[in-house]
């Protein structure tokens, strides 16, 4: 009877040891999986940041080109309008200046 109890206790001890080892291995596997997951997420975030950074830079560059083109177009339009109206502005300016400096009794 003692022999059966000893075998039973030994089997229980072996089972506890096996369960303990299995739990330890499961914890190691879980820790390894969590590390891999964390590293994967970190890599994905970095890849997304780089990709978005490139797209944002390209968008800024495109916006700057469009702004420059619009500015040049507006300046060209202003210059063209000035050339077309230069004589009229000069004539009106001369008329106003003459009106201001000419006494009222000498005006027609």
PDB file of N, CA and C in Angstrom:
ATOM      1  N   UNK A   1       0.813  -1.172   0.000  1.00  0.00           N
ATOM      2  CA  UNK A   1       0.000   0.000   0.000  1.00  0.00           C
ATOM      3  C   UNK A   1       0.875   1.261   0.000  1.00  0.00           C
ATOM      4  N   UNK A   2       1.910   1.198   0.838  1.00  0.00           N
ATOM      5  CA  UNK A   2       2.840   2.314   0.899  1.00  0.00           C
ATOM      6  C   UNK A   2       3.490   2.515  -0.460  1.00  0.00           C
ATOM      7  N   UNK A   3       3.767   1.445  -1.122  1.00  0.00           N
ATOM      8  CA  UNK A   3       4.394   1.529  -2.436  1.00  0.00           C
ATOM      9  C   UNK A   3       3.459   2.219  -3.435  1.00  0.00           C
ATOM     10  N   UNK A   4       2.198   1.955  -3.375  1.00  0.00           N
ATOM     11  CA  UNK A   4       1.213   2.577  -4.266  1.00  0.00           C
ATOM     12  C   UNK A   4       1.102   4.071  -3.954  1.00  0.00           C
ATOM     13  N   UNK A   5       1.077   4.405  -2.663  1.00  0.00           N
ATOM     14  CA  UNK A   5       0.994   5.818  -2.249  1.00  0.00           C
ATOM     15  C   UNK A   5       2.252   6.548  -2.690  1.00  0.00           C
ATOM     16  N   UNK A   6       3.417   5.907  -2.522  1.00  0.00           N
ATOM     17  CA  UNK A   6       4.671   6.530  -2.956  1.00  0.00           C
ATOM     18  C   UNK A   6       4.673   6.770  -4.460  1.00  0.00           C
ATOM     19  N   UNK A   7       4.200   5.777  -5.206  1.00  0.00           N
ATOM     20  CA  UNK A   7       4.127   5.922  -6.669  1.00  0.00           C
ATOM     21  C   UNK A   7       3.146   7.038  -7.037  1.00  0.00           C
ATOM     22  N   UNK A   8       2.047   7.097  -6.322  1.00  0.00           N
ATOM     23  CA  UNK A   8       1.053   8.134  -6.577  1.00  0.00           C
ATOM     24  C   UNK A   8       1.623   9.519  -6.269  1.00  0.00           C
ATOM     25  N   UNK A   9       2.319   9.659  -5.168  1.00  0.00           N
ATOM     26  CA  UNK A   9       2.947  10.937  -4.801  1.00  0.00           C
ATOM     27  C   UNK A   9       4.039  11.317  -5.794  1.00  0.00           C
ATOM     28  N   UNK A  10       4.790  10.318  -6.237  1.00  0.00           N
ATOM     29  CA  UNK A  10       5.841  10.568  -7.224  1.00  0.00           C
ATOM     30  C   UNK A  10       5.216  11.001  -8.546  1.00  0.00           C
ATOM     31  N   UNK A  11       4.127  10.335  -8.941  1.00  0.00           N
ATOM     32  CA  UNK A  11       3.435  10.697 -10.183  1.00  0.00           C
ATOM     33  C   UNK A  11       2.865  12.112 -10.075  1.00  0.00           C
ATOM     34  N   UNK A  12       2.302  12.445  -8.902  1.00  0.00           N
ATOM     35  CA  UNK A  12       1.763  13.789  -8.694  1.00  0.00           C
ATOM     36  C   UNK A  12       2.870  14.830  -8.748  1.00  0.00           C
ATOM     37  N   UNK A  13       4.004  14.509  -8.140  1.00  0.00           N
ATOM     38  CA  UNK A  13       5.153  15.413  -8.175  1.00  0.00           C
ATOM     39  C   UNK A  13       5.650  15.601  -9.599  1.00  0.00           C
ATOM     40  N   UNK A  14       5.733  14.503 -10.353  1.00  0.00           N
ATOM     41  CA  UNK A  14       6.150  14.596 -11.757  1.00  0.00           C
ATOM     42  C   UNK A  14       5.155  15.434 -12.569  1.00  0.00           C
ATOM     43  N   UNK A  15       3.868  15.236 -12.292  1.00  0.00           N
ATOM     44  CA  UNK A  15       2.845  15.999 -12.995  1.00  0.00           C
ATOM     45  C   UNK A  15       2.959  17.481 -12.663  1.00  0.00           C
ATOM     46  N   UNK A  16       3.188  17.812 -11.399  1.00  0.00           N
ATOM     47  CA  UNK A  16       3.348  19.206 -10.998  1.00  0.00           C
ATOM     48  C   UNK A  16       4.576  19.815 -11.665  1.00  0.00           C
ATOM     49  N   UNK A  17       5.642  19.039 -11.721  1.00  0.00           N
ATOM     50  CA  UNK A  17       6.863  19.520 -12.383  1.00  0.00           C
ATOM     51  C   UNK A  17       6.587  19.771 -13.857  1.00  0.00           C
ATOM     52  N   UNK A  18       5.900  18.830 -14.506  1.00  0.00           N
ATOM     53  CA  UNK A  18       5.573  18.974 -15.928  1.00  0.00           C
ATOM     54  C   UNK A  18       4.663  20.178 -16.153  1.00  0.00           C
ATOM     55  N   UNK A  19       3.667  20.355 -15.284  1.00  0.00           N
ATOM     56  CA  UNK A  19       2.764  21.507 -15.395  1.00  0.00           C
ATOM     57  C   UNK A  19       3.545  22.799 -15.191  1.00  0.00           C
ATOM     58  N   UNK A  20       4.431  22.809 -14.220  1.00  0.00           N
ATOM     59  CA  UNK A  20       5.257  23.997 -13.967  1.00  0.00           C
ATOM     60  C   UNK A  20       6.127  24.338 -15.171  1.00  0.00           C
ATOM     61  N   UNK A  21       6.733  23.318 -15.756  1.00  0.00           N
ATOM     62  CA  UNK A  21       7.559  23.546 -16.947  1.00  0.00           C
ATOM     63  C   UNK A  21       6.697  24.034 -18.112  1.00  0.00           C
ATOM     64  N   UNK A  22       5.522  23.449 -18.276  1.00  0.00           N
ATOM     65  CA  UNK A  22       4.618  23.872 -19.349  1.00  0.00           C
ATOM     66  C   UNK A  22       4.186  25.320 -19.147  1.00  0.00           C
ATOM     67  N   UNK A  23       3.898  25.700 -17.898  1.00  0.00           N
ATOM     68  CA  UNK A  23       3.518  27.081 -17.613  1.00  0.00           C
ATOM     69  C   UNK A  23       4.670  28.036 -17.907  1.00  0.00           C
ATOM     70  N   UNK A  24       5.873  27.623 -17.536  1.00  0.00           N
ATOM     71  CA  UNK A  24       7.048  28.450 -17.793  1.00  0.00           C
ATOM     72  C   UNK A  24       7.255  28.616 -19.290  1.00  0.00           C
ATOM     73  N   UNK A  25       7.132  27.521 -20.044  1.00  0.00           N
ATOM     74  CA  UNK A  25       7.282  27.603 -21.498  1.00  0.00           C
ATOM     75  C   UNK A  25       6.181  28.488 -22.099  1.00  0.00           C
ATOM     76  N   UNK A  26       4.959  28.355 -21.589  1.00  0.00           N
ATOM     77  CA  UNK A  26       3.855  29.179 -22.092  1.00  0.00           C
ATOM     78  C   UNK A  26       4.127  30.657 -21.820  1.00  0.00           C
ATOM     79  N   UNK A  27       4.673  30.979 -20.654  1.00  0.00           N
ATOM     80  CA  UNK A  27       5.007  32.369 -20.340  1.00  0.00           C
ATOM     81  C   UNK A  27       6.105  32.885 -21.269  1.00  0.00           C
ATOM     82  N   UNK A  28       7.101  32.044 -21.537  1.00  0.00           N
ATOM     83  CA  UNK A  28       8.178  32.449 -22.439  1.00  0.00           C
ATOM     84  C   UNK A  28       7.642  32.679 -23.843  1.00  0.00           C
ATOM     85  N   UNK A  29       6.770  31.772 -24.295  1.00  0.00           N
ATOM     86  CA  UNK A  29       6.177  31.923 -25.631  1.00  0.00           C
ATOM     87  C   UNK A  29       5.333  33.194 -25.692  1.00  0.00           C
ATOM     88  N   UNK A  30       4.540  33.432 -24.638  1.00  0.00           N
ATOM     89  CA  UNK A  30       3.696  34.628 -24.582  1.00  0.00           C
ATOM     90  C   UNK A  30       4.561  35.891 -24.593  1.00  0.00           C
ATOM     91  N   UNK A  31       5.626  35.898 -23.808  1.00  0.00           N
ATOM     92  CA  UNK A  31       6.518  37.062 -23.753  1.00  0.00           C
ATOM     93  C   UNK A  31       7.170  37.284 -25.111  1.00  0.00           C
ATOM     94  N   UNK A  32       7.595  36.208 -25.758  1.00  0.00           N
ATOM     95  CA  UNK A  32       8.221  36.318 -27.080  1.00  0.00           C
ATOM     96  C   UNK A  32       7.208  36.854 -28.103  1.00  0.00           C
ATOM     97  N   UNK A  33       5.983  36.332 -28.038  1.00  0.00           N
ATOM     98  CA  UNK A  33       4.941  36.794 -28.959  1.00  0.00           C
ATOM     99  C   UNK A  33       4.616  38.273 -28.728  1.00  0.00           C
ATOM    100  N   UNK A  34       4.544  38.684 -27.475  1.00  0.00           N
ATOM    101  CA  UNK A  34       4.272  40.087 -27.171  1.00  0.00           C
ATOM    102  C   UNK A  34       5.395  40.990 -27.677  1.00  0.00           C
ATOM    103  N   UNK A  35       6.622  40.528 -27.530  1.00  0.00           N
ATOM    104  CA  UNK A  35       7.766  41.300 -28.032  1.00  0.00           C
ATOM    105  C   UNK A  35       7.707  41.422 -29.546  1.00  0.00           C
ATOM    106  N   UNK A  36       7.443  40.307 -30.225  1.00  0.00           N
ATOM    107  CA  UNK A  36       7.338  40.350 -31.686  1.00  0.00           C
ATOM    108  C   UNK A  36       6.199  41.263 -32.125  1.00  0.00           C
ATOM    109  N   UNK A  37       5.055  41.178 -31.428  1.00  0.00           N
ATOM    110  CA  UNK A  37       3.916  42.025 -31.750  1.00  0.00           C
ATOM    111  C   UNK A  37       4.280  43.495 -31.571  1.00  0.00           C
ATOM    112  N   UNK A  38       4.906  43.803 -30.456  1.00  0.00           N
ATOM    113  CA  UNK A  38       5.291  45.181 -30.167  1.00  0.00           C
ATOM    114  C   UNK A  38       6.272  45.707 -31.218  1.00  0.00           C
ATOM    115  N   UNK A  39       7.242  44.887 -31.569  1.00  0.00           N
ATOM    116  CA  UNK A  39       8.212  45.294 -32.589  1.00  0.00           C
ATOM    117  C   UNK A  39       7.529  45.477 -33.937  1.00  0.00           C
ATOM    118  N   UNK A  40       6.580  44.604 -34.258  1.00  0.00           N
ATOM    119  CA  UNK A  40       5.833  44.734 -35.514  1.00  0.00           C
ATOM    120  C   UNK A  40       5.022  46.016 -35.567  1.00  0.00           C
ATOM    121  N   UNK A  41       4.372  46.329 -34.465  1.00  0.00           N
ATOM    122  CA  UNK A  41       3.588  47.562 -34.397  1.00  0.00           C
ATOM    123  C   UNK A  41       4.508  48.774 -34.529  1.00  0.00           C
ATOM    124  N   UNK A  42       5.638  48.722 -33.853  1.00  0.00           N
ATOM    125  CA  UNK A  42       6.599  49.831 -33.927  1.00  0.00           C
ATOM    126  C   UNK A  42       7.102  50.011 -35.358  1.00  0.00           C
ATOM    127  N   UNK A  43       7.433  48.895 -36.019  1.00  0.00           N
ATOM    128  CA  UNK A  43       7.885  48.976 -37.417  1.00  0.00           C
ATOM    129  C   UNK A  43       6.784  49.533 -38.312  1.00  0.00           C
ATOM    130  N   UNK A  44       5.559  49.082 -38.103  1.00  0.00           N
ATOM    131  CA  UNK A  44       4.442  49.558 -38.918  1.00  0.00           C
ATOM    132  C   UNK A  44       4.220  51.054 -38.717  1.00  0.00           C
ATOM    133  N   UNK A  45       4.313  51.498 -37.468  1.00  0.00           N
ATOM    134  CA  UNK A  45       4.158  52.940 -37.207  1.00  0.00           C
ATOM    135  C   UNK A  45       5.261  53.740 -37.873  1.00  0.00           C
ATOM    136  N   UNK A  46       6.478  53.242 -37.792  1.00  0.00           N
ATOM    137  CA  UNK A  46       7.605  53.948 -38.413  1.00  0.00           C
ATOM    138  C   UNK A  46       7.442  53.985 -39.929  1.00  0.00           C
ATOM    139  N   UNK A  47       7.037  52.861 -40.508  1.00  0.00           N
ATOM    140  CA  UNK A  47       6.807  52.819 -41.957  1.00  0.00           C
ATOM    141  C   UNK A  47       5.713  53.805 -42.358  1.00  0.00           C
ATOM    142  N   UNK A  48       4.636  53.847 -41.571  1.00  0.00           N
ATOM    143  CA  UNK A  48       3.546  54.782 -41.862  1.00  0.00           C
ATOM    144  C   UNK A  48       4.018  56.222 -41.725  1.00  0.00           C
ATOM    145  N   UNK A  49       4.816  56.496 -40.710  1.00  0.00           N
ATOM    146  CA  UNK A  49       5.333  57.859 -40.512  1.00  0.00           C
ATOM    147  C   UNK A  49       6.202  58.286 -41.687  1.00  0.00           C
ATOM    148  N   UNK A  50       7.070  57.371 -42.132  1.00  0.00           N
ATOM    149  CA  UNK A  50       7.945  57.688 -43.265  1.00  0.00           C
ATOM    150  C   UNK A  50       7.115  57.912 -44.527  1.00  0.00           C
ATOM    151  N   UNK A  51       6.148  57.024 -44.747  1.00  0.00           N
ATOM    152  CA  UNK A  51       5.316  57.135 -45.940  1.00  0.00           C
ATOM    153  C   UNK A  51       4.512  58.430 -45.922  1.00  0.00           C
ATOM    154  N   UNK A  52       3.891  58.739 -44.782  1.00  0.00           N
ATOM    155  CA  UNK A  52       3.123  59.973 -44.678  1.00  0.00           C
ATOM    156  C   UNK A  52       4.013  61.201 -44.770  1.00  0.00           C
ATOM    157  N   UNK A  53       5.193  61.101 -44.168  1.00  0.00           N
ATOM    158  CA  UNK A  53       6.133  62.226 -44.249  1.00  0.00           C
ATOM    159  C   UNK A  53       6.490  62.536 -45.684  1.00  0.00           C
ATOM    160  N   UNK A  54       6.715  61.504 -46.475  1.00  0.00           N
ATOM    161  CA  UNK A  54       7.025  61.702 -47.885  1.00  0.00           C
ATOM    162  C   UNK A  54       5.857  62.299 -48.638  1.00  0.00           C
ATOM    163  N   UNK A  55       4.653  61.813 -48.343  1.00  0.00           N
ATOM    164  CA  UNK A  55       3.467  62.338 -49.026  1.00  0.00           C
ATOM    165  C   UNK A  55       3.187  63.774 -48.601  1.00  0.00           C
ATOM    166  N   UNK A  56       3.383  64.065 -47.325  1.00  0.00           N
ATOM    167  CA  UNK A  56       3.171  65.433 -46.853  1.00  0.00           C
ATOM    168  C   UNK A  56       4.187  66.373 -47.488  1.00  0.00           C
ATOM    169  N   UNK A  57       5.426  65.929 -47.566  1.00  0.00           N
ATOM    170  CA  UNK A  57       6.457  66.744 -48.212  1.00  0.00           C
ATOM    171  C   UNK A  57       6.130  66.999 -49.671  1.00  0.00           C
ATOM    172  N   UNK A  58       5.677  65.959 -50.370  1.00  0.00           N
ATOM    173  CA  UNK A  58       5.312  66.113 -51.777  1.00  0.00           C
ATOM    174  C   UNK A  58       4.120  67.059 -51.926  1.00  0.00           C
ATOM    175  N   UNK A  59       3.152  66.947 -51.018  1.00  0.00           N
ATOM    176  CA  UNK A  59       1.982  67.832 -51.073  1.00  0.00           C
ATOM    177  C   UNK A  59       2.389  69.280 -50.812  1.00  0.00           C
ATOM    178  N   UNK A  60       3.290  69.484 -49.867  1.00  0.00           N
ATOM    179  CA  UNK A  60       3.767  70.845 -49.591  1.00  0.00           C
ATOM    180  C   UNK A  60       4.500  71.415 -50.803  1.00  0.00           C
ATOM    181  N   UNK A  61       5.315  70.583 -51.423  1.00  0.00           N
ATOM    182  CA  UNK A  61       6.062  71.028 -52.598  1.00  0.00           C
ATOM    183  C   UNK A  61       5.102  71.392 -53.729  1.00  0.00           C
ATOM    184  N   UNK A  62       4.093  70.557 -53.946  1.00  0.00           N
ATOM    185  CA  UNK A  62       3.102  70.830 -54.986  1.00  0.00           C
ATOM    186  C   UNK A  62       2.332  72.112 -54.676  1.00  0.00           C
ATOM    187  N   UNK A  63       1.959  72.302 -53.417  1.00  0.00           N
ATOM    188  CA  UNK A  63       1.245  73.516 -53.024  1.00  0.00           C
ATOM    189  C   UNK A  63       2.124  74.748 -53.237  1.00  0.00           C
ATOM    190  N   UNK A  64       3.398  74.642 -52.927  1.00  0.00           N
ATOM    191  CA  UNK A  64       4.314  75.773 -53.128  1.00  0.00           C
ATOM    192  C   UNK A  64       4.437  76.108 -54.613  1.00  0.00           C
ATOM    193  N   UNK A  65       4.490  75.070 -55.464  1.00  0.00           N
ATOM    194  CA  UNK A  65       4.568  75.311 -56.918  1.00  0.00           C
ATOM    195  C   UNK A  65       3.310  76.001 -57.418  1.00  0.00           C
ATOM    196  N   UNK A  66       2.151  75.536 -56.946  1.00  0.00           N
ATOM    197  CA  UNK A  66       0.890  76.143 -57.376  1.00  0.00           C
ATOM    198  C   UNK A  66       0.787  77.584 -56.881  1.00  0.00           C
ATOM    199  N   UNK A  67       1.229  77.814 -55.648  1.00  0.00           N
ATOM    200  CA  UNK A  67       1.220  79.171 -55.111  1.00  0.00           C
ATOM    201  C   UNK A  67       2.119  80.079 -55.945  1.00  0.00           C
ATOM    202  N   UNK A  68       3.312  79.590 -56.261  1.00  0.00           N
ATOM    203  CA  UNK A  68       4.251  80.381 -57.058  1.00  0.00           C
ATOM    204  C   UNK A  68       3.684  80.676 -58.443  1.00  0.00           C
ATOM    205  N   UNK A  69       3.052  79.677 -59.059  1.00  0.00           N
ATOM    206  CA  UNK A  69       2.458  79.875 -60.383  1.00  0.00           C
ATOM    207  C   UNK A  69       1.326  80.899 -60.310  1.00  0.00           C
ATOM    208  N   UNK A  70       0.483  80.816 -59.267  1.00  0.00           N
ATOM    209  CA  UNK A  70      -0.611  81.774 -59.110  1.00  0.00           C
ATOM    210  C   UNK A  70      -0.071  83.177 -58.860  1.00  0.00           C
ATOM    211  N   UNK A  71       0.987  83.270 -58.074  1.00  0.00           N
ATOM    212  CA  UNK A  71       1.602  84.567 -57.795  1.00  0.00           C
ATOM    213  C   UNK A  71       2.181  85.182 -59.069  1.00  0.00           C
ATOM    214  N   UNK A  72       2.874  84.375 -59.847  1.00  0.00           N
ATOM    215  CA  UNK A  72       3.448  84.863 -61.111  1.00  0.00           C
ATOM    216  C   UNK A  72       2.346  85.291 -62.073  1.00  0.00           C
ATOM    217  N   UNK A  73       1.261  84.524 -62.114  1.00  0.00           N
ATOM    218  CA  UNK A  73       0.136  84.868 -62.985  1.00  0.00           C
ATOM    219  C   UNK A  73      -0.497  86.187 -62.551  1.00  0.00           C
ATOM    220  N   UNK A  74      -0.677  86.356 -61.242  1.00  0.00           N
ATOM    221  CA  UNK A  74      -1.261  87.595 -60.730  1.00  0.00           C
ATOM    222  C   UNK A  74      -0.345  88.780 -61.014  1.00  0.00           C
ATOM    223  N   UNK A  75       0.948  88.590 -60.824  1.00  0.00           N
ATOM    224  CA  UNK A  75       1.902  89.668 -61.107  1.00  0.00           C
ATOM    225  C   UNK A  75       1.903  90.024 -62.586  1.00  0.00           C
ATOM    226  N   UNK A  76       1.831  89.013 -63.436  1.00  0.00           N
ATOM    227  CA  UNK A  76       1.797  89.272 -64.876  1.00  0.00           C
ATOM    228  C   UNK A  76       0.513  90.017 -65.242  1.00  0.00           C
ATOM    229  N   UNK A  77      -0.615  89.619 -64.635  1.00  0.00           N
ATOM    230  CA  UNK A  77      -1.877  90.310 -64.891  1.00  0.00           C
ATOM    231  C   UNK A  77      -1.827  91.749 -64.424  1.00  0.00           C
ATOM    232  N   UNK A  78      -1.219  91.969 -63.258  1.00  0.00           N
ATOM    233  CA  UNK A  78      -1.081  93.339 -62.747  1.00  0.00           C
ATOM    234  C   UNK A  78      -0.199  94.182 -63.662  1.00  0.00           C
ATOM    235  N   UNK A  79       0.895  93.600 -64.115  1.00  0.00           N
ATOM    236  CA  UNK A  79       1.808  94.331 -65.008  1.00  0.00           C
ATOM    237  C   UNK A  79       1.105  94.662 -66.325  1.00  0.00           C
ATOM    238  N   UNK A  80       0.350  93.721 -66.853  1.00  0.00           N
ATOM    239  CA  UNK A  80      -0.372  93.949 -68.113  1.00  0.00           C
ATOM    240  C   UNK A  80      -1.408  95.048 -67.931  1.00  0.00           C
ATOM    241  N   UNK A  81      -2.161  94.985 -66.813  1.00  0.00           N
ATOM    242  CA  UNK A  81      -3.164  96.013 -66.557  1.00  0.00           C
ATOM    243  C   UNK A  81      -2.500  97.384 -66.415  1.00  0.00           C
ATOM    244  N   UNK A  82      -1.375  97.434 -65.724  1.00  0.00           N
ATOM    245  CA  UNK A  82      -0.668  98.712 -65.548  1.00  0.00           C
ATOM    246  C   UNK A  82      -0.233  99.267 -66.897  1.00  0.00           C
ATOM    247  N   UNK A  83       0.307  98.394 -67.751  1.00  0.00           N
ATOM    248  CA  UNK A  83       0.741  98.851 -69.086  1.00  0.00           C
ATOM    249  C   UNK A  83      -0.449  99.370 -69.885  1.00  0.00           C
ATOM    250  N   UNK A  84      -1.587  98.695 -69.772  1.00  0.00           N
ATOM    251  CA  UNK A  84      -2.775  99.121 -70.527  1.00  0.00           C
ATOM    252  C   UNK A  84      -3.340 100.431 -69.983  1.00  0.00           C
ATOM    253  N   UNK A  85      -3.263 100.657 -68.699  1.00  0.00           N
ATOM    254  CA  UNK A  85      -3.882 101.820 -68.066  1.00  0.00           C
ATOM    255  C   UNK A  85      -2.887 102.922 -67.711  1.00  0.00           C
ATOM    256  N   UNK A  86      -1.613 102.714 -68.022  1.00  0.00           N
ATOM    257  CA  UNK A  86      -0.577 103.662 -67.617  1.00  0.00           C
ATOM    258  C   UNK A  86      -0.858 105.066 -68.160  1.00  0.00           C
ATOM    259  N   UNK A  87      -1.192 105.176 -69.421  1.00  0.00           N
ATOM    260  CA  UNK A  87      -1.439 106.498 -70.020  1.00  0.00           C
ATOM    261  C   UNK A  87      -2.657 107.164 -69.401  1.00  0.00           C
ATOM    262  N   UNK A  88      -3.711 106.376 -69.144  1.00  0.00           N
ATOM    263  CA  UNK A  88      -4.911 106.930 -68.541  1.00  0.00           C
ATOM    264  C   UNK A  88      -4.619 107.423 -67.121  1.00  0.00           C
ATOM    265  N   UNK A  89      -3.891 106.612 -66.326  1.00  0.00           N
ATOM    266  CA  UNK A  89      -3.542 107.005 -64.958  1.00  0.00           C
ATOM    267  C   UNK A  89      -2.684 108.265 -64.977  1.00  0.00           C
ATOM    268  N   UNK A  90      -1.758 108.315 -65.907  1.00  0.00           N
ATOM    269  CA  UNK A  90      -0.891 109.492 -66.009  1.00  0.00           C
ATOM    270  C   UNK A  90      -1.707 110.732 -66.362  1.00  0.00           C
ATOM    271  N   UNK A  91      -2.641 110.587 -67.302  1.00  0.00           N
ATOM    272  CA  UNK A  91      -3.461 111.735 -67.704  1.00  0.00           C
ATOM    273  C   UNK A  91      -4.346 112.196 -66.549  1.00  0.00           C
ATOM    274  N   UNK A  92      -4.958 111.249 -65.841  1.00  0.00           N
ATOM    275  CA  UNK A  92      -5.820 111.615 -64.705  1.00  0.00           C
ATOM    276  C   UNK A  92      -4.986 112.262 -63.607  1.00  0.00           C
ATOM    277  N   UNK A  93      -3.800 111.729 -63.358  1.00  0.00           N
ATOM    278  CA  UNK A  93      -2.921 112.297 -62.341  1.00  0.00           C
ATOM    279  C   UNK A  93      -2.544 113.727 -62.708  1.00  0.00           C
ATOM    280  N   UNK A  94      -2.217 113.958 -63.966  1.00  0.00           N
ATOM    281  CA  UNK A  94      -1.872 115.312 -64.408  1.00  0.00           C
ATOM    282  C   UNK A  94      -3.062 116.260 -64.263  1.00  0.00           C
ATOM    283  N   UNK A  95      -4.249 115.777 -64.601  1.00  0.00           N
ATOM    284  CA  UNK A  95      -5.448 116.608 -64.464  1.00  0.00           C
ATOM    285  C   UNK A  95      -5.698 116.970 -63.009  1.00  0.00           C
ATOM    286  N   UNK A  96      -5.569 115.999 -62.126  1.00  0.00           N
ATOM    287  CA  UNK A  96      -5.788 116.251 -60.699  1.00  0.00           C
ATOM    288  C   UNK A  96      -4.742 117.226 -60.176  1.00  0.00           C
ATOM    289  N   UNK A  97      -3.472 116.992 -60.542  1.00  0.00           N
ATOM    290  CA  UNK A  97      -2.405 117.887 -60.081  1.00  0.00           C
ATOM    291  C   UNK A  97      -2.647 119.303 -60.595  1.00  0.00           C
ATOM    292  N   UNK A  98      -3.037 119.412 -61.842  1.00  0.00           N
ATOM    293  CA  UNK A  98      -3.309 120.734 -62.408  1.00  0.00           C
ATOM    294  C   UNK A  98      -4.478 121.387 -61.687  1.00  0.00           C
ATOM    295  N   UNK A  99      -5.504 120.626 -61.413  1.00  0.00           N
ATOM    296  CA  UNK A  99      -6.668 121.146 -60.705  1.00  0.00           C
ATOM    297  C   UNK A  99      -6.296 121.664 -59.320  1.00  0.00           C
ATOM    298  N   UNK A 100      -5.402 120.910 -58.652  1.00  0.00           N
ATOM    299  CA  UNK A 100      -5.020 121.283 -57.289  1.00  0.00           C
ATOM    300  C   UNK A 100      -4.158 122.546 -57.283  1.00  0.00           C
ATOM    301  N   UNK A 101      -3.222 122.650 -58.198  1.00  0.00           N
ATOM    302  CA  UNK A 101      -2.289 123.786 -58.158  1.00  0.00           C
ATOM    303  C   UNK A 101      -2.811 125.023 -58.899  1.00  0.00           C
ATOM    304  N   UNK A 102      -3.834 124.855 -59.674  1.00  0.00           N
ATOM    305  CA  UNK A 102      -4.375 126.008 -60.405  1.00  0.00           C
ATOM    306  C   UNK A 102      -5.410 126.715 -59.521  1.00  0.00           C
ATOM    307  N   UNK A 103      -5.232 128.020 -59.341  1.00  0.00           N
ATOM    308  CA  UNK A 103      -6.220 128.754 -58.550  1.00  0.00           C
ATOM    309  C   UNK A 103      -7.601 128.676 -59.229  1.00  0.00           C
ATOM    310  N   UNK A 104      -8.613 128.811 -58.444  1.00  0.00           N
ATOM    311  CA  UNK A 104      -9.970 128.652 -58.937  1.00  0.00           C
ATOM    312  C   UNK A 104     -10.314 129.687 -59.990  1.00  0.00           C
ATOM    313  N   UNK A 105      -9.817 130.883 -59.847  1.00  0.00           N
ATOM    314  CA  UNK A 105     -10.164 131.926 -60.805  1.00  0.00           C
ATOM    315  C   UNK A 105      -9.511 131.706 -62.166  1.00  0.00           C
ATOM    316  N   UNK A 106      -8.424 130.848 -62.234  1.00  0.00           N
ATOM    317  CA  UNK A 106      -7.788 130.579 -63.521  1.00  0.00           C
ATOM    318  C   UNK A 106      -8.354 129.337 -64.208  1.00  0.00           C
ATOM    319  N   UNK A 107      -9.190 128.609 -63.552  1.00  0.00           N
ATOM    320  CA  UNK A 107      -9.792 127.381 -64.136  1.00  0.00           C
ATOM    321  C   UNK A 107     -10.852 127.775 -65.122  1.00  0.00           C
ATOM    322  N   UNK A 108     -11.020 127.044 -66.164  1.00  0.00           N
ATOM    323  CA  UNK A 108     -12.022 127.314 -67.171  1.00  0.00           C
ATOM    324  C   UNK A 108     -13.371 126.835 -66.788  1.00  0.00           C
TER     325      UNK A 108
END
